[in-house]
Amino acid sequence: MIVNACHALKEVKRPGRITVRTRREGGRVRVEIEDNGPGIPRRIQEKIFDPFFTTKTVGVGTGLGLSVSHGLVEKHRGKIEVASVEGEGTTFTVVLPLDPRE
């Protein structure tokens, strides 16, 4: 997700920023990765976790990063979500149990 944020920041003229926040919420940990890049168009947000889906040019990405991330998070009984506004940036939120048996 951080690599994707770095790639996205190359598309904007303003200074780029990536912010990572973590906090504990009861028996879970929440991680937010936010960038001020171009954002993800609403029409493709539902596809970004699909294997091999990419908007990058040939040779830059395979379209597996977010798919693999999604799979790993689910395997650890967590969830991953995206919130994005075109022109303003994107935030990925990962919530994982502190005890993977829960």
PDB file of N, CA and C in Angstrom:
ATOM      1  N   MET A   1       0.820  -1.181   0.000  1.00  0.00           N
ATOM      2  CA  MET A   1       0.000   0.000   0.000  1.00  0.00           C
ATOM      3  C   MET A   1       0.872   1.257   0.000  1.00  0.00           C
ATOM      4  N   ILE A   2       1.981   1.199   0.683  1.00  0.00           N
ATOM      5  CA  ILE A   2       2.889   2.353   0.691  1.00  0.00           C
ATOM      6  C   ILE A   2       3.555   2.519  -0.669  1.00  0.00           C
ATOM      7  N   VAL A   3       3.904   1.417  -1.307  1.00  0.00           N
ATOM      8  CA  VAL A   3       4.482   1.502  -2.654  1.00  0.00           C
ATOM      9  C   VAL A   3       3.465   2.114  -3.612  1.00  0.00           C
ATOM     10  N   ASN A   4       2.206   1.690  -3.510  1.00  0.00           N
ATOM     11  CA  ASN A   4       1.168   2.269  -4.370  1.00  0.00           C
ATOM     12  C   ASN A   4       1.020   3.758  -4.102  1.00  0.00           C
ATOM     13  N   ALA A   5       1.076   4.151  -2.835  1.00  0.00           N
ATOM     14  CA  ALA A   5       0.976   5.574  -2.498  1.00  0.00           C
ATOM     15  C   ALA A   5       2.137   6.347  -3.109  1.00  0.00           C
ATOM     16  N   CYS A   6       3.332   5.793  -3.052  1.00  0.00           N
ATOM     17  CA  CYS A   6       4.506   6.453  -3.666  1.00  0.00           C
ATOM     18  C   CYS A   6       4.307   6.633  -5.164  1.00  0.00           C
ATOM     19  N   HIS A   7       3.801   5.601  -5.825  1.00  0.00           N
ATOM     20  CA  HIS A   7       3.542   5.703  -7.264  1.00  0.00           C
ATOM     21  C   HIS A   7       2.496   6.774  -7.544  1.00  0.00           C
ATOM     22  N   ALA A   8       1.450   6.817  -6.728  1.00  0.00           N
ATOM     23  CA  ALA A   8       0.380   7.793  -6.928  1.00  0.00           C
ATOM     24  C   ALA A   8       0.900   9.220  -6.766  1.00  0.00           C
ATOM     25  N   LEU A   9       1.785   9.427  -5.827  1.00  0.00           N
ATOM     26  CA  LEU A   9       2.293  10.779  -5.570  1.00  0.00           C
ATOM     27  C   LEU A   9       3.105  11.326  -6.737  1.00  0.00           C
ATOM     28  N   LYS A  10       3.624  10.458  -7.561  1.00  0.00           N
ATOM     29  CA  LYS A  10       4.369  10.909  -8.739  1.00  0.00           C
ATOM     30  C   LYS A  10       3.452  11.579  -9.761  1.00  0.00           C
ATOM     31  N   GLU A  11       2.133  11.378  -9.610  1.00  0.00           N
ATOM     32  CA  GLU A  11       1.169  11.916 -10.564  1.00  0.00           C
ATOM     33  C   GLU A  11       0.661  13.307 -10.202  1.00  0.00           C
ATOM     34  N   VAL A  12       1.062  13.830  -9.061  1.00  0.00           N
ATOM     35  CA  VAL A  12       0.565  15.152  -8.642  1.00  0.00           C
ATOM     36  C   VAL A  12       1.695  16.168  -8.623  1.00  0.00           C
ATOM     37  N   LYS A  13       1.333  17.411  -8.823  1.00  0.00           N
ATOM     38  CA  LYS A  13       2.328  18.489  -8.875  1.00  0.00           C
ATOM     39  C   LYS A  13       2.675  19.023  -7.481  1.00  0.00           C
ATOM     40  N   ARG A  14       1.766  18.882  -6.518  1.00  0.00           N
ATOM     41  CA  ARG A  14       2.004  19.407  -5.171  1.00  0.00           C
ATOM     42  C   ARG A  14       2.944  18.480  -4.395  1.00  0.00           C
ATOM     43  N   PRO A  15       3.506  18.968  -3.300  1.00  0.00           N
ATOM     44  CA  PRO A  15       4.354  18.101  -2.470  1.00  0.00           C
ATOM     45  C   PRO A  15       3.555  16.902  -1.958  1.00  0.00           C
ATOM     46  N   GLY A  16       4.138  15.730  -2.094  1.00  0.00           N
ATOM     47  CA  GLY A  16       3.454  14.513  -1.682  1.00  0.00           C
ATOM     48  C   GLY A  16       3.597  14.251  -0.192  1.00  0.00           C
ATOM     49  N   ARG A  17       2.592  13.559   0.347  1.00  0.00           N
ATOM     50  CA  ARG A  17       2.606  13.226   1.768  1.00  0.00           C
ATOM     51  C   ARG A  17       1.968  11.856   1.958  1.00  0.00           C
ATOM     52  N   ILE A  18       2.633  11.027   2.732  1.00  0.00           N
ATOM     53  CA  ILE A  18       2.078   9.744   3.156  1.00  0.00           C
ATOM     54  C   ILE A  18       2.087   9.746   4.680  1.00  0.00           C
ATOM     55  N   THR A  19       0.938   9.464   5.258  1.00  0.00           N
ATOM     56  CA  THR A  19       0.815   9.431   6.713  1.00  0.00           C
ATOM     57  C   THR A  19       0.356   8.042   7.128  1.00  0.00           C
ATOM     58  N   VAL A  20       1.047   7.463   8.104  1.00  0.00           N
ATOM     59  CA  VAL A  20       0.665   6.163   8.643  1.00  0.00           C
ATOM     60  C   VAL A  20       0.271   6.366  10.102  1.00  0.00           C
ATOM     61  N   ARG A  21      -0.937   5.949  10.436  1.00  0.00           N
ATOM     62  CA  ARG A  21      -1.426   6.059  11.807  1.00  0.00           C
ATOM     63  C   ARG A  21      -1.772   4.662  12.316  1.00  0.00           C
ATOM     64  N   THR A  22      -1.466   4.420  13.564  1.00  0.00           N
ATOM     65  CA  THR A  22      -1.842   3.153  14.187  1.00  0.00           C
ATOM     66  C   THR A  22      -2.498   3.441  15.530  1.00  0.00           C
ATOM     67  N   ARG A  23      -3.429   2.585  15.894  1.00  0.00           N
ATOM     68  CA  ARG A  23      -4.014   2.689  17.227  1.00  0.00           C
ATOM     69  C   ARG A  23      -4.678   1.366  17.582  1.00  0.00           C
ATOM     70  N   ARG A  24      -4.781   1.180  18.863  1.00  0.00           N
ATOM     71  CA  ARG A  24      -5.453  -0.013  19.372  1.00  0.00           C
ATOM     72  C   ARG A  24      -6.917   0.323  19.602  1.00  0.00           C
ATOM     73  N   GLU A  25      -7.783  -0.577  19.204  1.00  0.00           N
ATOM     74  CA  GLU A  25      -9.224  -0.437  19.419  1.00  0.00           C
ATOM     75  C   GLU A  25      -9.714  -1.725  20.066  1.00  0.00           C
ATOM     76  N   GLY A  26      -9.704  -1.752  21.377  1.00  0.00           N
ATOM     77  CA  GLY A  26     -10.086  -2.973  22.080  1.00  0.00           C
ATOM     78  C   GLY A  26      -9.109  -4.082  21.755  1.00  0.00           C
ATOM     79  N   GLY A  27      -9.625  -5.180  21.241  1.00  0.00           N
ATOM     80  CA  GLY A  27      -8.781  -6.325  20.892  1.00  0.00           C
ATOM     81  C   GLY A  27      -8.295  -6.296  19.454  1.00  0.00           C
ATOM     82  N   ARG A  28      -8.288  -5.114  18.860  1.00  0.00           N
ATOM     83  CA  ARG A  28      -7.853  -4.987  17.462  1.00  0.00           C
ATOM     84  C   ARG A  28      -6.842  -3.855  17.322  1.00  0.00           C
ATOM     85  N   VAL A  29      -6.092  -3.907  16.244  1.00  0.00           N
ATOM     86  CA  VAL A  29      -5.199  -2.808  15.888  1.00  0.00           C
ATOM     87  C   VAL A  29      -5.685  -2.241  14.552  1.00  0.00           C
ATOM     88  N   ARG A  30      -5.655  -0.935  14.455  1.00  0.00           N
ATOM     89  CA  ARG A  30      -6.104  -0.236  13.251  1.00  0.00           C
ATOM     90  C   ARG A  30      -4.899   0.497  12.658  1.00  0.00           C
ATOM     91  N   VAL A  31      -4.675   0.298  11.378  1.00  0.00           N
ATOM     92  CA  VAL A  31      -3.589   0.967  10.658  1.00  0.00           C
ATOM     93  C   VAL A  31      -4.209   1.726   9.494  1.00  0.00           C
ATOM     94  N   GLU A  32      -3.908   3.014   9.409  1.00  0.00           N
ATOM     95  CA  GLU A  32      -4.395   3.837   8.305  1.00  0.00           C
ATOM     96  C   GLU A  32      -3.195   4.349   7.523  1.00  0.00           C
ATOM     97  N   ILE A  33      -3.239   4.166   6.225  1.00  0.00           N
ATOM     98  CA  ILE A  33      -2.196   4.658   5.326  1.00  0.00           C
ATOM     99  C   ILE A  33      -2.871   5.659   4.404  1.00  0.00           C
ATOM    100  N   GLU A  34      -2.498   6.917   4.550  1.00  0.00           N
ATOM    101  CA  GLU A  34      -3.158   8.009   3.828  1.00  0.00           C
ATOM    102  C   GLU A  34      -2.157   8.738   2.949  1.00  0.00           C
ATOM    103  N   ASP A  35      -2.575   9.066   1.742  1.00  0.00           N
ATOM    104  CA  ASP A  35      -1.741   9.888   0.867  1.00  0.00           C
ATOM    105  C   ASP A  35      -2.564  11.036   0.311  1.00  0.00           C
ATOM    106  N   ASN A  36      -1.859  12.046  -0.159  1.00  0.00           N
ATOM    107  CA  ASN A  36      -2.548  13.194  -0.775  1.00  0.00           C
ATOM    108  C   ASN A  36      -2.347  13.183  -2.288  1.00  0.00           C
ATOM    109  N   GLY A  37      -2.351  11.982  -2.845  1.00  0.00           N
ATOM    110  CA  GLY A  37      -2.186  11.812  -4.283  1.00  0.00           C
ATOM    111  C   GLY A  37      -3.450  12.141  -5.053  1.00  0.00           C
ATOM    112  N   PRO A  38      -3.561  11.631  -6.270  1.00  0.00           N
ATOM    113  CA  PRO A  38      -4.672  11.988  -7.149  1.00  0.00           C
ATOM    114  C   PRO A  38      -6.003  11.327  -6.765  1.00  0.00           C
ATOM    115  N   GLY A  39      -5.970  10.372  -5.868  1.00  0.00           N
ATOM    116  CA  GLY A  39      -7.186   9.653  -5.517  1.00  0.00           C
ATOM    117  C   GLY A  39      -7.499   8.561  -6.523  1.00  0.00           C
ATOM    118  N   ILE A  40      -8.423   7.701  -6.151  1.00  0.00           N
ATOM    119  CA  ILE A  40      -8.835   6.592  -7.009  1.00  0.00           C
ATOM    120  C   ILE A  40     -10.226   6.905  -7.541  1.00  0.00           C
ATOM    121  N   PRO A  41     -10.398   6.930  -8.849  1.00  0.00           N
ATOM    122  CA  PRO A  41     -11.734   7.207  -9.396  1.00  0.00           C
ATOM    123  C   PRO A  41     -12.778   6.255  -8.825  1.00  0.00           C
ATOM    124  N   ARG A  42     -13.910   6.783  -8.475  1.00  0.00           N
ATOM    125  CA  ARG A  42     -14.991   6.005  -7.858  1.00  0.00           C
ATOM    126  C   ARG A  42     -15.358   4.779  -8.700  1.00  0.00           C
ATOM    127  N   ARG A  43     -15.339   4.940 -10.020  1.00  0.00           N
ATOM    128  CA  ARG A  43     -15.782   3.853 -10.909  1.00  0.00           C
ATOM    129  C   ARG A  43     -14.870   2.620 -10.849  1.00  0.00           C
ATOM    130  N   ILE A  44     -13.648   2.759 -10.353  1.00  0.00           N
ATOM    131  CA  ILE A  44     -12.759   1.589 -10.281  1.00  0.00           C
ATOM    132  C   ILE A  44     -12.461   1.147  -8.853  1.00  0.00           C
ATOM    133  N   GLN A  45     -12.967   1.847  -7.867  1.00  0.00           N
ATOM    134  CA  GLN A  45     -12.661   1.494  -6.478  1.00  0.00           C
ATOM    135  C   GLN A  45     -13.056   0.070  -6.125  1.00  0.00           C
ATOM    136  N   GLU A  46     -14.142  -0.430  -6.701  1.00  0.00           N
ATOM    137  CA  GLU A  46     -14.579  -1.794  -6.389  1.00  0.00           C
ATOM    138  C   GLU A  46     -13.685  -2.857  -7.035  1.00  0.00           C
ATOM    139  N   LYS A  47     -12.809  -2.460  -7.955  1.00  0.00           N
ATOM    140  CA  LYS A  47     -11.960  -3.416  -8.671  1.00  0.00           C
ATOM    141  C   LYS A  47     -10.529  -3.479  -8.130  1.00  0.00           C
ATOM    142  N   ILE A  48     -10.141  -2.542  -7.289  1.00  0.00           N
ATOM    143  CA  ILE A  48      -8.711  -2.414  -6.953  1.00  0.00           C
ATOM    144  C   ILE A  48      -8.128  -3.611  -6.219  1.00  0.00           C
ATOM    145  N   PHE A  49      -8.955  -4.428  -5.583  1.00  0.00           N
ATOM    146  CA  PHE A  49      -8.449  -5.613  -4.892  1.00  0.00           C
ATOM    147  C   PHE A  49      -8.486  -6.860  -5.771  1.00  0.00           C
ATOM    148  N   ASP A  50      -8.961  -6.725  -7.011  1.00  0.00           N
ATOM    149  CA  ASP A  50      -9.003  -7.854  -7.945  1.00  0.00           C
ATOM    150  C   ASP A  50      -7.589  -8.183  -8.432  1.00  0.00           C
ATOM    151  N   PRO A  51      -7.252  -9.480  -8.509  1.00  0.00           N
ATOM    152  CA  PRO A  51      -5.937  -9.860  -9.022  1.00  0.00           C
ATOM    153  C   PRO A  51      -5.710  -9.326 -10.443  1.00  0.00           C
ATOM    154  N   PHE A  52      -4.551  -8.799 -10.660  1.00  0.00           N
ATOM    155  CA  PHE A  52      -4.070  -8.297 -11.947  1.00  0.00           C
ATOM    156  C   PHE A  52      -4.748  -7.014 -12.419  1.00  0.00           C
ATOM    157  N   PHE A  53      -5.603  -6.418 -11.598  1.00  0.00           N
ATOM    158  CA  PHE A  53      -6.185  -5.134 -11.978  1.00  0.00           C
ATOM    159  C   PHE A  53      -5.161  -4.049 -11.677  1.00  0.00           C
ATOM    160  N   THR A  54      -4.864  -3.227 -12.671  1.00  0.00           N
ATOM    161  CA  THR A  54      -3.920  -2.136 -12.478  1.00  0.00           C
ATOM    162  C   THR A  54      -4.267  -0.977 -13.400  1.00  0.00           C
ATOM    163  N   THR A  55      -3.909   0.195 -12.973  1.00  0.00           N
ATOM    164  CA  THR A  55      -4.046   1.377 -13.822  1.00  0.00           C
ATOM    165  C   THR A  55      -2.665   1.897 -14.206  1.00  0.00           C
ATOM    166  N   LYS A  56      -1.642   1.183 -13.754  1.00  0.00           N
ATOM    167  CA  LYS A  56      -0.262   1.603 -14.028  1.00  0.00           C
ATOM    168  C   LYS A  56       0.150   1.202 -15.435  1.00  0.00           C
ATOM    169  N   THR A  57       1.151   1.890 -15.937  1.00  0.00           N
ATOM    170  CA  THR A  57       1.658   1.568 -17.264  1.00  0.00           C
ATOM    171  C   THR A  57       2.402   0.230 -17.234  1.00  0.00           C
ATOM    172  N   VAL A  58       2.529  -0.374 -18.379  1.00  0.00           N
ATOM    173  CA  VAL A  58       3.212  -1.657 -18.500  1.00  0.00           C
ATOM    174  C   VAL A  58       4.625  -1.531 -17.940  1.00  0.00           C
ATOM    175  N   GLY A  59       5.008  -2.492 -17.124  1.00  0.00           N
ATOM    176  CA  GLY A  59       6.346  -2.501 -16.546  1.00  0.00           C
ATOM    177  C   GLY A  59       6.439  -1.831 -15.182  1.00  0.00           C
ATOM    178  N   VAL A  60       5.388  -1.146 -14.760  1.00  0.00           N
ATOM    179  CA  VAL A  60       5.425  -0.459 -13.466  1.00  0.00           C
ATOM    180  C   VAL A  60       4.817  -1.327 -12.371  1.00  0.00           C
ATOM    181  N   GLY A  61       3.798  -2.074 -12.663  1.00  0.00           N
ATOM    182  CA  GLY A  61       3.153  -2.916 -11.664  1.00  0.00           C
ATOM    183  C   GLY A  61       2.467  -4.088 -12.313  1.00  0.00           C
ATOM    184  N   THR A  62       2.156  -5.095 -11.490  1.00  0.00           N
ATOM    185  CA  THR A  62       1.512  -6.300 -12.002  1.00  0.00           C
ATOM    186  C   THR A  62       0.031  -6.366 -11.653  1.00  0.00           C
ATOM    187  N   GLY A  63      -0.420  -5.508 -10.749  1.00  0.00           N
ATOM    188  CA  GLY A  63      -1.800  -5.562 -10.313  1.00  0.00           C
ATOM    189  C   GLY A  63      -2.029  -6.613  -9.240  1.00  0.00           C
ATOM    190  N   LEU A  64      -0.958  -7.029  -8.574  1.00  0.00           N
ATOM    191  CA  LEU A  64      -1.087  -8.045  -7.535  1.00  0.00           C
ATOM    192  C   LEU A  64      -0.948  -7.483  -6.119  1.00  0.00           C
ATOM    193  N   GLY A  65      -0.363  -6.325  -5.955  1.00  0.00           N
ATOM    194  CA  GLY A  65      -0.067  -5.789  -4.625  1.00  0.00           C
ATOM    195  C   GLY A  65      -1.276  -5.673  -3.720  1.00  0.00           C
ATOM    196  N   LEU A  66      -2.310  -5.010  -4.182  1.00  0.00           N
ATOM    197  CA  LEU A  66      -3.501  -4.842  -3.348  1.00  0.00           C
ATOM    198  C   LEU A  66      -4.275  -6.147  -3.195  1.00  0.00           C
ATOM    199  N   SER A  67      -4.252  -6.976  -4.213  1.00  0.00           N
ATOM    200  CA  SER A  67      -4.907  -8.276  -4.126  1.00  0.00           C
ATOM    201  C   SER A  67      -4.243  -9.143  -3.063  1.00  0.00           C
ATOM    202  N   VAL A  68      -2.922  -9.191  -3.082  1.00  0.00           N
ATOM    203  CA  VAL A  68      -2.176  -9.965  -2.078  1.00  0.00           C
ATOM    204  C   VAL A  68      -2.398  -9.374  -0.689  1.00  0.00           C
ATOM    205  N   SER A  69      -2.355  -8.052  -0.575  1.00  0.00           N
ATOM    206  CA  SER A  69      -2.602  -7.401   0.715  1.00  0.00           C
ATOM    207  C   SER A  69      -3.983  -7.785   1.251  1.00  0.00           C
ATOM    208  N   HIS A  70      -4.979  -7.720   0.389  1.00  0.00           N
ATOM    209  CA  HIS A  70      -6.344  -8.080   0.770  1.00  0.00           C
ATOM    210  C   HIS A  70      -6.397  -9.516   1.274  1.00  0.00           C
ATOM    211  N   GLY A  71      -5.774 -10.422   0.537  1.00  0.00           N
ATOM    212  CA  GLY A  71      -5.757 -11.834   0.930  1.00  0.00           C
ATOM    213  C   GLY A  71      -5.067 -12.059   2.264  1.00  0.00           C
ATOM    214  N   LEU A  72      -3.947 -11.400   2.485  1.00  0.00           N
ATOM    215  CA  LEU A  72      -3.221 -11.556   3.755  1.00  0.00           C
ATOM    216  C   LEU A  72      -4.030 -11.028   4.932  1.00  0.00           C
ATOM    217  N   VAL A  73      -4.644  -9.886   4.738  1.00  0.00           N
ATOM    218  CA  VAL A  73      -5.454  -9.308   5.814  1.00  0.00           C
ATOM    219  C   VAL A  73      -6.620 -10.234   6.150  1.00  0.00           C
ATOM    220  N   GLU A  74      -7.314 -10.739   5.141  1.00  0.00           N
ATOM    221  CA  GLU A  74      -8.433 -11.648   5.395  1.00  0.00           C
ATOM    222  C   GLU A  74      -7.965 -12.950   6.041  1.00  0.00           C
ATOM    223  N   LYS A  75      -6.820 -13.450   5.610  1.00  0.00           N
ATOM    224  CA  LYS A  75      -6.266 -14.687   6.178  1.00  0.00           C
ATOM    225  C   LYS A  75      -6.011 -14.526   7.680  1.00  0.00           C
ATOM    226  N   HIS A  76      -5.701 -13.306   8.098  1.00  0.00           N
ATOM    227  CA  HIS A  76      -5.440 -13.022   9.511  1.00  0.00           C
ATOM    228  C   HIS A  76      -6.691 -12.490  10.220  1.00  0.00           C
ATOM    229  N   ARG A  77      -7.850 -12.762   9.624  1.00  0.00           N
ATOM    230  CA  ARG A  77      -9.159 -12.434  10.194  1.00  0.00           C
ATOM    231  C   ARG A  77      -9.379 -10.931  10.373  1.00  0.00           C
ATOM    232  N   GLY A  78      -8.828 -10.185   9.435  1.00  0.00           N
ATOM    233  CA  GLY A  78      -8.989  -8.743   9.488  1.00  0.00           C
ATOM    234  C   GLY A  78      -9.807  -8.240   8.317  1.00  0.00           C
ATOM    235  N   LYS A  79      -9.805  -6.939   8.191  1.00  0.00           N
ATOM    236  CA  LYS A  79     -10.494  -6.336   7.047  1.00  0.00           C
ATOM    237  C   LYS A  79      -9.661  -5.169   6.534  1.00  0.00           C
ATOM    238  N   ILE A  80      -9.835  -4.892   5.265  1.00  0.00           N
ATOM    239  CA  ILE A  80      -9.142  -3.781   4.616  1.00  0.00           C
ATOM    240  C   ILE A  80     -10.187  -2.997   3.828  1.00  0.00           C
ATOM    241  N   GLU A  81     -10.107  -1.676   3.951  1.00  0.00           N
ATOM    242  CA  GLU A  81     -11.056  -0.808   3.259  1.00  0.00           C
ATOM    243  C   GLU A  81     -10.309   0.344   2.619  1.00  0.00           C
ATOM    244  N   VAL A  82     -10.949   0.955   1.645  1.00  0.00           N
ATOM    245  CA  VAL A  82     -10.370   2.127   0.982  1.00  0.00           C
ATOM    246  C   VAL A  82     -11.397   3.253   0.990  1.00  0.00           C
ATOM    247  N   ALA A  83     -10.898   4.445   1.217  1.00  0.00           N
ATOM    248  CA  ALA A  83     -11.709   5.662   1.081  1.00  0.00           C
ATOM    249  C   ALA A  83     -10.879   6.609   0.231  1.00  0.00           C
ATOM    250  N   SER A  84     -11.471   7.109  -0.842  1.00  0.00           N
ATOM    251  CA  SER A  84     -10.703   7.931  -1.763  1.00  0.00           C
ATOM    252  C   SER A  84     -11.593   8.994  -2.396  1.00  0.00           C
ATOM    253  N   VAL A  85     -10.994  10.163  -2.591  1.00  0.00           N
ATOM    254  CA  VAL A  85     -11.667  11.259  -3.269  1.00  0.00           C
ATOM    255  C   VAL A  85     -10.737  11.738  -4.374  1.00  0.00           C
ATOM    256  N   GLU A  86     -11.232  11.721  -5.599  1.00  0.00           N
ATOM    257  CA  GLU A  86     -10.400  12.169  -6.721  1.00  0.00           C
ATOM    258  C   GLU A  86      -9.891  13.580  -6.476  1.00  0.00           C
ATOM    259  N   GLY A  87      -8.601  13.754  -6.695  1.00  0.00           N
ATOM    260  CA  GLY A  87      -7.967  15.054  -6.532  1.00  0.00           C
ATOM    261  C   GLY A  87      -7.537  15.367  -5.109  1.00  0.00           C
ATOM    262  N   GLU A  88      -7.918  14.518  -4.157  1.00  0.00           N
ATOM    263  CA  GLU A  88      -7.602  14.803  -2.755  1.00  0.00           C
ATOM    264  C   GLU A  88      -6.770  13.735  -2.070  1.00  0.00           C
ATOM    265  N   GLY A  89      -6.864  12.498  -2.506  1.00  0.00           N
ATOM    266  CA  GLY A  89      -6.058  11.455  -1.882  1.00  0.00           C
ATOM    267  C   GLY A  89      -6.842  10.218  -1.522  1.00  0.00           C
ATOM    268  N   THR A  90      -6.131   9.292  -0.888  1.00  0.00           N
ATOM    269  CA  THR A  90      -6.667   7.975  -0.581  1.00  0.00           C
ATOM    270  C   THR A  90      -6.221   7.545   0.806  1.00  0.00           C
ATOM    271  N   THR A  91      -7.110   6.840   1.500  1.00  0.00           N
ATOM    272  CA  THR A  91      -6.763   6.242   2.784  1.00  0.00           C
ATOM    273  C   THR A  91      -7.147   4.769   2.751  1.00  0.00           C
ATOM    274  N   PHE A  92      -6.170   3.916   3.014  1.00  0.00           N
ATOM    275  CA  PHE A  92      -6.418   2.492   3.202  1.00  0.00           C
ATOM    276  C   PHE A  92      -6.434   2.246   4.702  1.00  0.00           C
ATOM    277  N   THR A  93      -7.429   1.512   5.153  1.00  0.00           N
ATOM    278  CA  THR A  93      -7.546   1.173   6.568  1.00  0.00           C
ATOM    279  C   THR A  93      -7.516  -0.340   6.710  1.00  0.00           C
ATOM    280  N   VAL A  94      -6.609  -0.812   7.565  1.00  0.00           N
ATOM    281  CA  VAL A  94      -6.484  -2.235   7.855  1.00  0.00           C
ATOM    282  C   VAL A  94      -6.786  -2.415   9.339  1.00  0.00           C
ATOM    283  N   VAL A  95      -7.697  -3.325   9.640  1.00  0.00           N
ATOM    284  CA  VAL A  95      -8.030  -3.643  11.024  1.00  0.00           C
ATOM    285  C   VAL A  95      -7.750  -5.134  11.219  1.00  0.00           C
ATOM    286  N   LEU A  96      -6.914  -5.434  12.222  1.00  0.00           N
ATOM    287  CA  LEU A  96      -6.527  -6.814  12.500  1.00  0.00           C
ATOM    288  C   LEU A  96      -6.744  -7.127  13.974  1.00  0.00           C
ATOM    289  N   PRO A  97      -7.120  -8.385  14.286  1.00  0.00           N
ATOM    290  CA  PRO A  97      -7.219  -8.759  15.695  1.00  0.00           C
ATOM    291  C   PRO A  97      -5.829  -8.859  16.303  1.00  0.00           C
ATOM    292  N   LEU A  98      -5.699  -8.445  17.564  1.00  0.00           N
ATOM    293  CA  LEU A  98      -4.411  -8.606  18.246  1.00  0.00           C
ATOM    294  C   LEU A  98      -4.114 -10.083  18.487  1.00  0.00           C
ATOM    295  N   ASP A  99      -5.145 -10.845  18.743  1.00  0.00           N
ATOM    296  CA  ASP A  99      -5.012 -12.285  18.904  1.00  0.00           C
ATOM    297  C   ASP A  99      -5.593 -12.934  17.655  1.00  0.00           C
ATOM    298  N   PRO A 100      -4.759 -13.517  16.804  1.00  0.00           N
ATOM    299  CA  PRO A 100      -5.255 -14.066  15.538  1.00  0.00           C
ATOM    300  C   PRO A 100      -6.249 -15.210  15.698  1.00  0.00           C
ATOM    301  N   ARG A 101      -6.395 -15.751  16.892  1.00  0.00           N
ATOM    302  CA  ARG A 101      -7.359 -16.823  17.122  1.00  0.00           C
ATOM    303  C   ARG A 101      -8.773 -16.287  17.306  1.00  0.00           C
ATOM    304  N   GLU A 102      -8.907 -14.981  17.465  1.00  0.00           N
ATOM    305  CA  GLU A 102     -10.241 -14.389  17.688  1.00  0.00           C
ATOM    306  C   GLU A 102     -10.952 -14.124  16.377  1.00  0.00           C
TER     307      GLU A 102
END
